Amino acid sequence: MITNYLLYISIILFSVLIMEVIAIFTHKYIMHGPGWFLHKSHHINYLNNKRKFELNDIYFIFFSSPSIICMIYGFYYNNDIVFTIGVGISMYGLIYVFLHDVMVHQRFGIKIKINNSYFKKIKKAHLKHHSIKKKNGATNFGFITYK
């Protein structure tokens, strides 16, 4: 029984790490590529965005789909591994919302004072990424990692 829990925790952690790699490539080559027409709303308005939503938020639909599909499939077909992968993808999404939307951009009216050096580095790297207002030339495409 404990072995199963360790397996599931390992799968969740591995899924989170894999999602960061996928997010880096997706952010760099899709959002800053052919999907720039949606993502630029986030780069242009990130400091003075008083609206609750921006076009960039449409990506949530695409990025949450694999998690939802894995969890439904895993539940319906009683496949704990696939379900756990879905949970890991979902965990990455929650980490992303906390780090990116709440900590860095202070969306949803939530302001958190950052004292942790890791969180400060995440915020600094992401704000450096946002200093570029164009499709090309940005760096630091990760969300839970930084350069």
N, C-alpha and C. Protein backbone atom coordinates (compact mmCIF):
# COMPACT_ATOMS: atom_id res chain seq x y z
N MET A 1 0.83 -1.20 0.00
CA MET A 1 0.00 0.00 0.00
C MET A 1 0.87 1.27 0.00
N ILE A 2 1.87 1.33 0.88
CA ILE A 2 2.75 2.49 0.92
C ILE A 2 3.52 2.62 -0.39
N THR A 3 3.83 1.50 -1.00
CA THR A 3 4.52 1.51 -2.29
C THR A 3 3.66 2.18 -3.35
N ASN A 4 2.36 1.92 -3.32
CA ASN A 4 1.46 2.57 -4.27
C ASN A 4 1.46 4.08 -4.08
N TYR A 5 1.42 4.53 -2.83
CA TYR A 5 1.42 5.97 -2.57
C TYR A 5 2.72 6.61 -3.05
N LEU A 6 3.85 5.93 -2.82
CA LEU A 6 5.13 6.46 -3.30
C LEU A 6 5.16 6.52 -4.82
N LEU A 7 4.59 5.51 -5.46
CA LEU A 7 4.50 5.52 -6.92
C LEU A 7 3.67 6.70 -7.40
N TYR A 8 2.50 6.92 -6.80
CA TYR A 8 1.62 8.00 -7.22
C TYR A 8 2.26 9.38 -6.97
N ILE A 9 2.91 9.52 -5.83
CA ILE A 9 3.59 10.79 -5.53
C ILE A 9 4.71 11.02 -6.54
N SER A 10 5.44 9.97 -6.87
CA SER A 10 6.52 10.08 -7.87
C SER A 10 5.97 10.48 -9.24
N ILE A 11 4.86 9.89 -9.61
CA ILE A 11 4.23 10.21 -10.90
C ILE A 11 3.79 11.67 -10.91
N ILE A 12 3.20 12.13 -9.82
CA ILE A 12 2.77 13.53 -9.74
C ILE A 12 3.96 14.46 -9.88
N LEU A 13 5.04 14.20 -9.13
CA LEU A 13 6.23 15.06 -9.19
C LEU A 13 6.86 15.03 -10.59
N PHE A 14 6.94 13.85 -11.18
CA PHE A 14 7.49 13.72 -12.53
C PHE A 14 6.62 14.48 -13.53
N SER A 15 5.31 14.38 -13.38
CA SER A 15 4.38 15.09 -14.27
C SER A 15 4.57 16.60 -14.17
N VAL A 16 4.77 17.10 -12.95
CA VAL A 16 5.01 18.53 -12.75
C VAL A 16 6.29 18.94 -13.47
N LEU A 17 7.35 18.17 -13.31
CA LEU A 17 8.62 18.49 -13.97
C LEU A 17 8.51 18.44 -15.49
N ILE A 18 7.85 17.43 -16.00
CA ILE A 18 7.66 17.32 -17.45
C ILE A 18 6.81 18.49 -17.96
N MET A 19 5.82 18.89 -17.18
CA MET A 19 4.97 20.02 -17.60
C MET A 19 5.77 21.32 -17.68
N GLU A 20 6.77 21.49 -16.80
CA GLU A 20 7.59 22.69 -16.89
C GLU A 20 8.37 22.69 -18.21
N VAL A 21 8.90 21.55 -18.60
CA VAL A 21 9.62 21.45 -19.87
C VAL A 21 8.66 21.73 -21.04
N ILE A 22 7.49 21.13 -20.99
CA ILE A 22 6.49 21.36 -22.04
C ILE A 22 6.08 22.83 -22.07
N ALA A 23 5.91 23.42 -20.89
CA ALA A 23 5.51 24.84 -20.81
C ALA A 23 6.57 25.75 -21.40
N ILE A 24 7.84 25.45 -21.12
CA ILE A 24 8.93 26.28 -21.67
C ILE A 24 8.88 26.26 -23.20
N PHE A 25 8.79 25.07 -23.77
CA PHE A 25 8.76 24.97 -25.24
C PHE A 25 7.48 25.55 -25.82
N THR A 26 6.36 25.32 -25.17
CA THR A 26 5.09 25.88 -25.65
C THR A 26 5.11 27.40 -25.59
N HIS A 27 5.62 27.93 -24.48
CA HIS A 27 5.69 29.37 -24.30
C HIS A 27 6.60 30.00 -25.37
N LYS A 28 7.74 29.37 -25.57
CA LYS A 28 8.72 29.94 -26.50
C LYS A 28 8.30 29.79 -27.96
N TYR A 29 7.82 28.61 -28.34
CA TYR A 29 7.61 28.33 -29.76
C TYR A 29 6.15 28.46 -30.22
N ILE A 30 5.22 28.46 -29.31
CA ILE A 30 3.81 28.66 -29.71
C ILE A 30 3.33 30.04 -29.27
N MET A 31 3.45 30.34 -27.98
CA MET A 31 2.94 31.62 -27.50
C MET A 31 3.74 32.80 -28.07
N HIS A 32 5.04 32.60 -28.23
CA HIS A 32 5.88 33.63 -28.86
C HIS A 32 6.11 33.31 -30.33
N GLY A 33 5.29 32.46 -30.87
CA GLY A 33 5.32 32.11 -32.29
C GLY A 33 3.95 32.40 -32.88
N PRO A 34 3.32 31.37 -33.47
CA PRO A 34 2.03 31.60 -34.12
C PRO A 34 0.90 32.01 -33.16
N GLY A 35 1.07 31.75 -31.88
CA GLY A 35 0.03 32.13 -30.91
C GLY A 35 0.23 33.50 -30.29
N TRP A 36 1.16 34.28 -30.83
CA TRP A 36 1.44 35.60 -30.30
C TRP A 36 0.21 36.50 -30.31
N PHE A 37 -0.69 36.30 -31.26
CA PHE A 37 -1.89 37.15 -31.35
C PHE A 37 -2.72 37.08 -30.05
N LEU A 38 -2.63 35.99 -29.33
CA LEU A 38 -3.30 35.88 -28.02
C LEU A 38 -2.37 36.33 -26.90
N HIS A 39 -1.13 35.89 -26.95
CA HIS A 39 -0.20 36.10 -25.84
C HIS A 39 0.25 37.56 -25.71
N LYS A 40 0.24 38.31 -26.80
CA LYS A 40 0.72 39.70 -26.71
C LYS A 40 -0.14 40.53 -25.76
N SER A 41 -1.41 40.15 -25.57
CA SER A 41 -2.26 40.89 -24.63
C SER A 41 -1.67 40.83 -23.22
N HIS A 42 -0.96 39.76 -22.93
CA HIS A 42 -0.35 39.60 -21.61
C HIS A 42 0.92 40.44 -21.49
N HIS A 43 1.70 40.54 -22.55
CA HIS A 43 2.94 41.31 -22.51
C HIS A 43 2.69 42.81 -22.52
N ILE A 44 1.69 43.23 -23.23
CA ILE A 44 1.43 44.67 -23.37
C ILE A 44 0.77 45.24 -22.12
N ASN A 45 -0.11 44.48 -21.50
CA ASN A 45 -0.91 45.01 -20.39
C ASN A 45 -0.50 44.48 -19.01
N TYR A 46 0.63 43.82 -18.89
CA TYR A 46 0.88 43.09 -17.65
C TYR A 46 1.03 43.98 -16.42
N LEU A 47 1.45 45.24 -16.56
CA LEU A 47 1.61 46.09 -15.39
C LEU A 47 0.37 46.90 -15.05
N ASN A 48 -0.42 47.23 -16.05
CA ASN A 48 -1.57 48.09 -15.80
C ASN A 48 -2.88 47.45 -16.23
N ASN A 49 -2.93 46.13 -16.16
CA ASN A 49 -4.14 45.43 -16.58
C ASN A 49 -5.16 45.44 -15.45
N LYS A 50 -6.18 46.24 -15.60
CA LYS A 50 -7.24 46.31 -14.60
C LYS A 50 -8.39 45.37 -14.94
N ARG A 51 -8.35 44.80 -16.15
CA ARG A 51 -9.39 43.85 -16.53
C ARG A 51 -9.15 42.52 -15.85
N LYS A 52 -10.23 41.78 -15.64
CA LYS A 52 -10.09 40.48 -15.00
C LYS A 52 -9.50 39.44 -15.94
N PHE A 53 -9.81 39.57 -17.24
CA PHE A 53 -9.34 38.59 -18.20
C PHE A 53 -8.64 39.29 -19.36
N GLU A 54 -7.76 38.55 -20.00
CA GLU A 54 -7.09 39.04 -21.20
C GLU A 54 -7.11 37.90 -22.21
N LEU A 55 -6.89 38.20 -23.46
CA LEU A 55 -6.93 37.16 -24.51
C LEU A 55 -6.00 35.99 -24.18
N ASN A 56 -4.88 36.27 -23.57
CA ASN A 56 -3.93 35.23 -23.19
C ASN A 56 -4.57 34.15 -22.31
N ASP A 57 -5.60 34.48 -21.57
CA ASP A 57 -6.25 33.52 -20.68
C ASP A 57 -6.94 32.39 -21.44
N ILE A 58 -7.15 32.58 -22.73
CA ILE A 58 -7.74 31.51 -23.54
C ILE A 58 -6.83 30.28 -23.55
N TYR A 59 -5.54 30.49 -23.38
CA TYR A 59 -4.61 29.35 -23.33
C TYR A 59 -4.97 28.38 -22.21
N PHE A 60 -5.62 28.86 -21.17
CA PHE A 60 -6.03 27.99 -20.07
C PHE A 60 -6.86 26.81 -20.56
N ILE A 61 -7.72 27.07 -21.52
CA ILE A 61 -8.57 26.00 -22.07
C ILE A 61 -7.70 24.91 -22.68
N PHE A 62 -6.70 25.31 -23.46
CA PHE A 62 -5.84 24.34 -24.11
C PHE A 62 -4.94 23.62 -23.10
N PHE A 63 -4.38 24.37 -22.15
CA PHE A 63 -3.42 23.79 -21.22
C PHE A 63 -4.08 22.92 -20.16
N SER A 64 -5.34 23.16 -19.86
CA SER A 64 -6.02 22.33 -18.85
C SER A 64 -6.62 21.06 -19.46
N SER A 65 -6.78 21.03 -20.76
CA SER A 65 -7.41 19.88 -21.42
C SER A 65 -6.70 18.55 -21.16
N PRO A 66 -5.36 18.45 -21.29
CA PRO A 66 -4.72 17.15 -21.03
C PRO A 66 -4.98 16.64 -19.61
N SER A 67 -4.99 17.52 -18.65
CA SER A 67 -5.26 17.12 -17.27
C SER A 67 -6.67 16.57 -17.12
N ILE A 68 -7.62 17.29 -17.67
CA ILE A 68 -9.02 16.87 -17.59
C ILE A 68 -9.23 15.53 -18.30
N ILE A 69 -8.64 15.40 -19.48
CA ILE A 69 -8.78 14.15 -20.24
C ILE A 69 -8.16 12.98 -19.48
N CYS A 70 -6.96 13.18 -18.93
CA CYS A 70 -6.32 12.10 -18.17
C CYS A 70 -7.13 11.70 -16.94
N MET A 71 -7.65 12.69 -16.23
CA MET A 71 -8.40 12.36 -15.02
C MET A 71 -9.72 11.66 -15.36
N ILE A 72 -10.41 12.12 -16.38
CA ILE A 72 -11.67 11.46 -16.78
C ILE A 72 -11.39 10.05 -17.28
N TYR A 73 -10.39 9.91 -18.16
CA TYR A 73 -10.03 8.59 -18.68
C TYR A 73 -9.63 7.65 -17.54
N GLY A 74 -8.74 8.13 -16.67
CA GLY A 74 -8.27 7.31 -15.56
C GLY A 74 -9.38 6.89 -14.62
N PHE A 75 -10.30 7.80 -14.37
CA PHE A 75 -11.44 7.48 -13.49
C PHE A 75 -12.39 6.50 -14.17
N TYR A 76 -12.73 6.80 -15.42
CA TYR A 76 -13.71 5.98 -16.14
C TYR A 76 -13.21 4.55 -16.37
N TYR A 77 -11.92 4.42 -16.73
CA TYR A 77 -11.34 3.11 -17.03
C TYR A 77 -10.57 2.52 -15.84
N ASN A 78 -10.72 3.14 -14.67
CA ASN A 78 -10.08 2.65 -13.45
C ASN A 78 -8.56 2.49 -13.65
N ASN A 79 -7.95 3.48 -14.27
CA ASN A 79 -6.51 3.47 -14.53
C ASN A 79 -5.87 4.52 -13.63
N ASP A 80 -5.33 4.05 -12.50
CA ASP A 80 -4.77 4.97 -11.51
C ASP A 80 -3.56 5.74 -12.02
N ILE A 81 -2.77 5.13 -12.89
CA ILE A 81 -1.57 5.80 -13.41
C ILE A 81 -1.97 7.00 -14.27
N VAL A 82 -2.88 6.80 -15.20
CA VAL A 82 -3.32 7.90 -16.07
C VAL A 82 -4.02 8.98 -15.24
N PHE A 83 -4.83 8.56 -14.29
CA PHE A 83 -5.49 9.53 -13.41
C PHE A 83 -4.45 10.36 -12.66
N THR A 84 -3.41 9.70 -12.15
CA THR A 84 -2.37 10.39 -11.38
C THR A 84 -1.57 11.35 -12.26
N ILE A 85 -1.35 10.99 -13.51
CA ILE A 85 -0.70 11.92 -14.45
C ILE A 85 -1.56 13.17 -14.59
N GLY A 86 -2.86 12.98 -14.72
CA GLY A 86 -3.78 14.13 -14.78
C GLY A 86 -3.71 15.00 -13.54
N VAL A 87 -3.59 14.36 -12.38
CA VAL A 87 -3.45 15.11 -11.12
C VAL A 87 -2.14 15.91 -11.14
N GLY A 88 -1.05 15.30 -11.63
CA GLY A 88 0.23 16.00 -11.71
C GLY A 88 0.17 17.20 -12.64
N ILE A 89 -0.48 17.03 -13.77
CA ILE A 89 -0.65 18.16 -14.71
C ILE A 89 -1.47 19.26 -14.05
N SER A 90 -2.51 18.87 -13.35
CA SER A 90 -3.35 19.84 -12.64
C SER A 90 -2.56 20.55 -11.54
N MET A 91 -1.70 19.81 -10.84
CA MET A 91 -0.86 20.42 -9.80
C MET A 91 0.06 21.49 -10.42
N TYR A 92 0.61 21.17 -11.59
CA TYR A 92 1.44 22.16 -12.28
C TYR A 92 0.61 23.42 -12.57
N GLY A 93 -0.61 23.23 -13.02
CA GLY A 93 -1.49 24.37 -13.30
C GLY A 93 -1.74 25.21 -12.06
N LEU A 94 -1.94 24.57 -10.92
CA LEU A 94 -2.15 25.32 -9.67
C LEU A 94 -0.89 26.06 -9.25
N ILE A 95 0.26 25.41 -9.40
CA ILE A 95 1.54 26.07 -9.09
C ILE A 95 1.72 27.28 -10.01
N TYR A 96 1.40 27.10 -11.28
CA TYR A 96 1.51 28.18 -12.25
C TYR A 96 0.62 29.36 -11.85
N VAL A 97 -0.63 29.08 -11.54
CA VAL A 97 -1.55 30.17 -11.16
C VAL A 97 -1.00 30.90 -9.94
N PHE A 98 -0.51 30.16 -8.96
CA PHE A 98 0.02 30.79 -7.75
C PHE A 98 1.25 31.63 -8.07
N LEU A 99 2.23 31.04 -8.76
CA LEU A 99 3.48 31.77 -9.03
C LEU A 99 3.29 32.89 -10.04
N HIS A 100 2.65 32.60 -11.14
CA HIS A 100 2.55 33.55 -12.23
C HIS A 100 1.46 34.59 -12.00
N ASP A 101 0.25 34.13 -11.79
CA ASP A 101 -0.88 35.07 -11.71
C ASP A 101 -0.95 35.79 -10.37
N VAL A 102 -0.72 35.08 -9.28
CA VAL A 102 -0.85 35.70 -7.96
C VAL A 102 0.44 36.39 -7.53
N MET A 103 1.56 35.65 -7.49
CA MET A 103 2.79 36.22 -6.95
C MET A 103 3.41 37.27 -7.88
N VAL A 104 3.49 36.98 -9.17
CA VAL A 104 4.17 37.90 -10.07
C VAL A 104 3.24 39.03 -10.52
N HIS A 105 2.06 38.69 -11.02
CA HIS A 105 1.18 39.70 -11.62
C HIS A 105 0.11 40.24 -10.69
N GLN A 106 0.00 39.67 -9.50
CA GLN A 106 -0.96 40.12 -8.49
C GLN A 106 -2.37 40.23 -9.05
N ARG A 107 -2.74 39.21 -9.82
CA ARG A 107 -4.09 39.17 -10.37
C ARG A 107 -5.08 38.73 -9.31
N PHE A 108 -6.33 38.87 -9.58
CA PHE A 108 -7.43 38.48 -8.71
C PHE A 108 -7.47 39.31 -7.43
N GLY A 109 -6.79 40.45 -7.43
CA GLY A 109 -6.80 41.34 -6.27
C GLY A 109 -6.00 40.81 -5.09
N ILE A 110 -5.12 39.85 -5.34
CA ILE A 110 -4.33 39.26 -4.27
C ILE A 110 -2.91 39.81 -4.35
N LYS A 111 -2.44 40.40 -3.26
CA LYS A 111 -1.07 40.91 -3.20
C LYS A 111 -0.35 40.19 -2.07
N ILE A 112 0.77 39.58 -2.41
CA ILE A 112 1.55 38.84 -1.45
C ILE A 112 2.95 39.43 -1.40
N LYS A 113 3.39 39.75 -0.19
CA LYS A 113 4.76 40.24 -0.03
C LYS A 113 5.71 39.05 -0.13
N ILE A 114 6.73 39.20 -0.96
CA ILE A 114 7.65 38.10 -1.22
C ILE A 114 8.91 38.28 -0.38
N ASN A 115 9.18 37.31 0.49
CA ASN A 115 10.40 37.32 1.29
C ASN A 115 11.32 36.16 0.93
N ASN A 116 10.80 35.18 0.24
CA ASN A 116 11.53 33.98 -0.12
C ASN A 116 12.41 34.24 -1.33
N SER A 117 13.68 33.83 -1.27
CA SER A 117 14.62 34.12 -2.37
C SER A 117 14.22 33.41 -3.67
N TYR A 118 13.69 32.19 -3.57
CA TYR A 118 13.23 31.48 -4.78
C TYR A 118 12.12 32.26 -5.47
N PHE A 119 11.12 32.70 -4.71
CA PHE A 119 10.01 33.45 -5.28
C PHE A 119 10.47 34.78 -5.85
N LYS A 120 11.43 35.42 -5.18
CA LYS A 120 11.96 36.68 -5.70
C LYS A 120 12.65 36.46 -7.05
N LYS A 121 13.40 35.36 -7.17
CA LYS A 121 14.08 35.06 -8.43
C LYS A 121 13.09 34.72 -9.54
N ILE A 122 12.03 33.99 -9.20
CA ILE A 122 10.98 33.69 -10.17
C ILE A 122 10.36 34.99 -10.68
N LYS A 123 10.03 35.87 -9.76
CA LYS A 123 9.40 37.15 -10.14
C LYS A 123 10.35 37.99 -11.00
N LYS A 124 11.61 38.08 -10.59
CA LYS A 124 12.58 38.87 -11.35
C LYS A 124 12.76 38.32 -12.76
N ALA A 125 12.88 36.99 -12.88
CA ALA A 125 13.05 36.38 -14.20
C ALA A 125 11.83 36.62 -15.08
N HIS A 126 10.64 36.51 -14.48
CA HIS A 126 9.44 36.70 -15.29
C HIS A 126 9.26 38.16 -15.70
N LEU A 127 9.58 39.08 -14.81
CA LEU A 127 9.48 40.50 -15.17
C LEU A 127 10.51 40.85 -16.25
N LYS A 128 11.67 40.19 -16.21
CA LYS A 128 12.65 40.38 -17.28
C LYS A 128 12.06 39.89 -18.60
N HIS A 129 11.38 38.76 -18.54
CA HIS A 129 10.72 38.24 -19.74
C HIS A 129 9.71 39.26 -20.28
N HIS A 130 8.99 39.91 -19.38
CA HIS A 130 7.98 40.88 -19.80
C HIS A 130 8.55 42.23 -20.22
N SER A 131 9.82 42.44 -19.99
CA SER A 131 10.40 43.71 -20.41
C SER A 131 10.44 43.82 -21.94
N ILE A 132 10.31 42.68 -22.62
CA ILE A 132 10.25 42.66 -24.08
C ILE A 132 8.78 42.68 -24.49
N LYS A 133 8.40 43.66 -25.24
CA LYS A 133 6.99 43.83 -25.63
C LYS A 133 6.70 43.27 -27.02
N LYS A 134 7.70 42.61 -27.60
CA LYS A 134 7.55 42.08 -28.95
C LYS A 134 7.56 40.56 -28.92
N LYS A 135 7.19 40.00 -30.03
CA LYS A 135 7.14 38.54 -30.20
C LYS A 135 8.52 37.91 -30.01
N ASN A 136 9.55 38.57 -30.53
CA ASN A 136 10.91 38.01 -30.51
C ASN A 136 11.78 38.75 -29.50
N GLY A 137 12.79 38.04 -29.01
CA GLY A 137 13.79 38.66 -28.15
C GLY A 137 13.64 38.38 -26.67
N ALA A 138 12.56 37.76 -26.27
CA ALA A 138 12.34 37.49 -24.84
C ALA A 138 13.19 36.30 -24.38
N THR A 139 13.46 36.24 -23.10
CA THR A 139 14.16 35.12 -22.48
C THR A 139 13.31 34.64 -21.30
N ASN A 140 13.82 33.66 -20.56
CA ASN A 140 13.15 33.16 -19.36
C ASN A 140 11.72 32.71 -19.62
N PHE A 141 11.58 31.61 -20.34
CA PHE A 141 10.27 31.12 -20.72
C PHE A 141 9.65 30.18 -19.69
N GLY A 142 10.39 29.79 -18.67
CA GLY A 142 9.87 28.88 -17.66
C GLY A 142 8.93 29.59 -16.69
N PHE A 143 8.17 28.79 -15.96
CA PHE A 143 7.24 29.36 -14.98
C PHE A 143 7.61 28.98 -13.56
N ILE A 144 8.21 27.81 -13.36
CA ILE A 144 8.64 27.44 -12.00
C ILE A 144 10.16 27.34 -11.92
N THR A 145 10.82 27.64 -13.04
CA THR A 145 12.27 27.69 -13.07
C THR A 145 12.69 29.08 -13.53
N TYR A 146 13.92 29.42 -13.31
CA TYR A 146 14.41 30.75 -13.70
C TYR A 146 15.85 30.63 -14.16
N LYS A 147 16.29 31.66 -14.89
CA LYS A 147 17.69 31.76 -15.31
C LYS A 147 18.30 32.99 -14.68
